[in-house]
C-alpha atoms as a PDB file:
ATOM      1  CA  MET A   1       9.379  25.165 -11.115  1.00  0.00           C
ATOM      2  CA  ASN A   2       6.188  26.020  -9.675  1.00  0.00           C
ATOM      3  CA  ASP A   3       4.686  29.552  -9.690  1.00  0.00           C
ATOM      4  CA  ILE A   4       4.891  30.114  -6.099  1.00  0.00           C
ATOM      5  CA  ALA A   5       8.546  29.269  -5.952  1.00  0.00           C
ATOM      6  CA  LYS A   6       9.055  31.796  -8.806  1.00  0.00           C
ATOM      7  CA  VAL A   7       7.325  34.412  -7.133  1.00  0.00           C
ATOM      8  CA  MET A   8       9.017  33.691  -3.844  1.00  0.00           C
ATOM      9  CA  MET A   9      12.619  33.662  -5.659  1.00  0.00           C
ATOM     10  CA  ASN A  10      11.787  37.387  -6.776  1.00  0.00           C
ATOM     11  CA  ARG A  11      10.990  38.951  -3.235  1.00  0.00           C
ATOM     12  CA  SER A  12      13.271  40.024  -0.503  1.00  0.00           C
ATOM     13  CA  ARG A  13      13.824  37.802   2.556  1.00  0.00           C
ATOM     14  CA  ALA A  14      11.238  39.666   4.706  1.00  0.00           C
ATOM     15  CA  ASP A  15       8.396  39.519   1.947  1.00  0.00           C
ATOM     16  CA  ARG A  16       9.165  35.752   1.636  1.00  0.00           C
ATOM     17  CA  GLN A  17       8.849  35.384   5.178  1.00  0.00           C
ATOM     18  CA  LYS A  18       5.664  37.503   5.453  1.00  0.00           C
ATOM     19  CA  ALA A  19       4.262  35.638   2.704  1.00  0.00           C
ATOM     20  CA  LEU A  20       4.890  32.391   3.893  1.00  0.00           C
ATOM     21  CA  ALA A  21       3.464  33.411   7.584  1.00  0.00           C
ATOM     22  CA  LYS A  22       0.180  34.743   5.651  1.00  0.00           C
ATOM     23  CA  ARG A  23      -0.118  31.639   3.645  1.00  0.00           C
ATOM     24  CA  TYR A  24       0.182  29.337   6.830  1.00  0.00           C
ATOM     25  CA  LEU A  25      -2.032  31.585   8.763  1.00  0.00           C
ATOM     26  CA  MET A  26      -4.575  31.564   6.123  1.00  0.00           C
ATOM     27  CA  THR A  27      -4.394  27.694   5.989  1.00  0.00           C
ATOM     28  CA  TRP A  28      -4.585  27.419   9.528  1.00  0.00           C
ATOM     29  CA  ASN A  29      -7.361  29.870  10.259  1.00  0.00           C
ATOM     30  CA  THR A  30      -9.601  29.807   7.146  1.00  0.00           C
ATOM     31  CA  ASP A  31     -12.003  32.509   9.065  1.00  0.00           C
ATOM     32  CA  VAL A  32      -9.335  35.073   8.780  1.00  0.00           C
ATOM     33  CA  THR A  33      -9.354  37.644   5.921  1.00  0.00           C
ATOM     34  CA  ASP A  34      -6.579  39.388   3.888  1.00  0.00           C
ATOM     35  CA  ASP A  35      -6.734  42.561   6.080  1.00  0.00           C
ATOM     36  CA  GLU A  36      -6.994  40.894   9.234  1.00  0.00           C
ATOM     37  CA  ALA A  37      -3.921  38.628   8.247  1.00  0.00           C
ATOM     38  CA  GLU A  38      -1.964  41.695   7.167  1.00  0.00           C
ATOM     39  CA  ARG A  39      -2.913  43.378  10.441  1.00  0.00           C
ATOM     40  CA  MET A  40      -1.656  40.472  12.627  1.00  0.00           C
ATOM     41  CA  LEU A  41       1.613  39.938  10.701  1.00  0.00           C
ATOM     42  CA  LYS A  42       2.552  43.537  11.264  1.00  0.00           C
ATOM     43  CA  HIS A  43       3.462  42.134  14.741  1.00  0.00           C
ATOM     44  CA  ASP A  44       7.068  40.884  14.385  1.00  0.00           C
ATOM     45  CA  ASP A  45       6.934  38.751  17.244  1.00  0.00           C
ATOM     46  CA  PHE A  46       3.751  37.168  16.222  1.00  0.00           C
ATOM     47  CA  MET A  47       5.053  36.576  12.563  1.00  0.00           C
ATOM     48  CA  LYS A  48       8.269  34.992  13.957  1.00  0.00           C
ATOM     49  CA  ASP A  49       6.261  32.595  16.178  1.00  0.00           C
ATOM     50  CA  LEU A  50       4.059  31.700  13.103  1.00  0.00           C
ATOM     51  CA  LEU A  51       7.019  31.152  10.863  1.00  0.00           C
ATOM     52  CA  LYS A  52       8.860  28.981  13.567  1.00  0.00           C
ATOM     53  CA  GLU A  53       5.535  26.971  13.945  1.00  0.00           C
ATOM     54  CA  TYR A  54       5.386  26.622  10.215  1.00  0.00           C
ATOM     55  CA  MET A  55       9.096  25.398   9.689  1.00  0.00           C
ATOM     56  CA  ARG A  56       8.614  22.989  12.692  1.00  0.00           C
ATOM     57  CA  LYS A  57       5.731  21.291  11.026  1.00  0.00           C
ATOM     58  CA  GLU A  58       7.398  21.370   7.612  1.00  0.00           C
ATOM     59  CA  LEU A  59      10.542  19.656   9.196  1.00  0.00           C
ATOM     60  CA  GLU A  60       8.420  17.207  11.089  1.00  0.00           C
ATOM     61  CA  SER A  61       6.735  16.358   7.616  1.00  0.00           C
ATOM     62  CA  VAL A  62      10.079  15.854   5.976  1.00  0.00           C
ATOM     63  CA  LEU A  63      11.413  13.746   8.936  1.00  0.00           C
ATOM     64  CA  LEU A  64       8.109  11.552   8.486  1.00  0.00           C
ATOM     65  CA  GLN A  65       8.714  11.125   4.898  1.00  0.00           C
ATOM     66  CA  ILE A  66      12.580  10.250   5.464  1.00  0.00           C
ATOM     67  CA  ASP A  67      11.349   7.675   8.232  1.00  0.00           C
ATOM     68  CA  ARG A  68       8.951   6.200   5.708  1.00  0.00           C
ATOM     69  CA  ILE A  69      11.422   5.811   2.929  1.00  0.00           C
ATOM     70  CA  ASP A  70      13.886   4.274   5.469  1.00  0.00           C
ATOM     71  CA  GLN A  71      11.017   1.716   6.659  1.00  0.00           C
ATOM     72  CA  GLU A  72      10.403   0.885   2.997  1.00  0.00           C
ATOM     73  CA  ARG A  73      14.101   0.394   2.366  1.00  0.00           C
ATOM     74  CA  ARG A  74      14.592  -1.747   5.293  1.00  0.00           C
ATOM     75  CA  ARG A  75      11.577  -3.858   4.218  1.00  0.00           C
ATOM     76  CA  LYS A  76      12.815  -4.367   0.745  1.00  0.00           C
ATOM     77  CA  GLU A  77      16.190  -5.396   2.177  1.00  0.00           C
ATOM     78  CA  LYS A  78      14.388  -8.000   4.617  1.00  0.00           C
ATOM     79  CA  MET A  79      12.344  -9.180   1.501  1.00  0.00           C
ATOM     80  CA  LEU A  80      15.587  -9.601  -0.620  1.00  0.00           C
ATOM     81  CA  GLU A  81      17.335 -11.458   2.373  1.00  0.00           C
ATOM     82  CA  MET A  82      14.225 -13.703   2.598  1.00  0.00           C
ATOM     83  CA  GLU A  83      14.344 -14.406  -1.246  1.00  0.00           C
ATOM     84  CA  LEU A  84      18.231 -15.324  -1.096  1.00  0.00           C
ATOM     85  CA  LEU A  85      17.540 -17.678   2.096  1.00  0.00           C
ATOM     86  CA  LEU A  86      14.499 -19.138   0.128  1.00  0.00           C
ATOM     87  CA  SER A  87      16.910 -19.597  -3.162  1.00  0.00           C
ATOM     88  CA  ASP A  88      19.637 -21.154  -1.096  1.00  0.00           C
ATOM     89  CA  LEU A  89      17.223 -23.600   0.425  1.00  0.00           C
ATOM     90  CA  LYS A  90      15.830 -24.469  -2.944  1.00  0.00           C
ATOM     91  CA  LEU A  91      19.317 -25.327  -4.071  1.00  0.00           C
ATOM     92  CA  ARG A  92      20.076 -27.390  -1.012  1.00  0.00           C
ATOM     93  CA  LEU A  93      16.688 -29.242  -0.998  1.00  0.00           C
ATOM     94  CA  PRO A  94      17.630 -31.863  -3.606  1.00  0.00           C
ATOM     95  CA  ASP A  95      21.026 -32.708  -1.763  1.00  0.00           C
ATOM     96  CA  LEU A  96      19.296 -32.963   1.543  1.00  0.00           C
ATOM     97  CA  ILE A  97      16.571 -35.504   0.055  1.00  0.00           C
ATOM     98  CA  ASP A  98      19.095 -37.373  -1.451  1.00  0.00           C
ATOM     99  CA  LEU A  99      20.936 -37.704   1.812  1.00  0.00           C
ATOM    100  CA  LEU A 100      17.675 -38.810   3.532  1.00  0.00           C
ATOM    101  CA  SER A 101      17.065 -41.402   1.014  1.00  0.00           C
END
């Protein structure tokens, strides 16, 4: 478990939400100072909107990863299918050649 996860586990839900919102705000708006971020996050509506946006982006990222994994799985299945077809063809070719002779 990384350090951030350990710190987050030891905080209350409100503190965790505020820390996540602050971290997201600081990465999204690099010009904002700690004091400005704290002042902005005192507005509950702003913090909730910020958290919703953060969670939306995180969920989109997870969905993209799932989609990538699924595409890779399908690609591997197609490759396996092609290998099986080639193997079957390889086994049948000698018989087909004999029939044509």
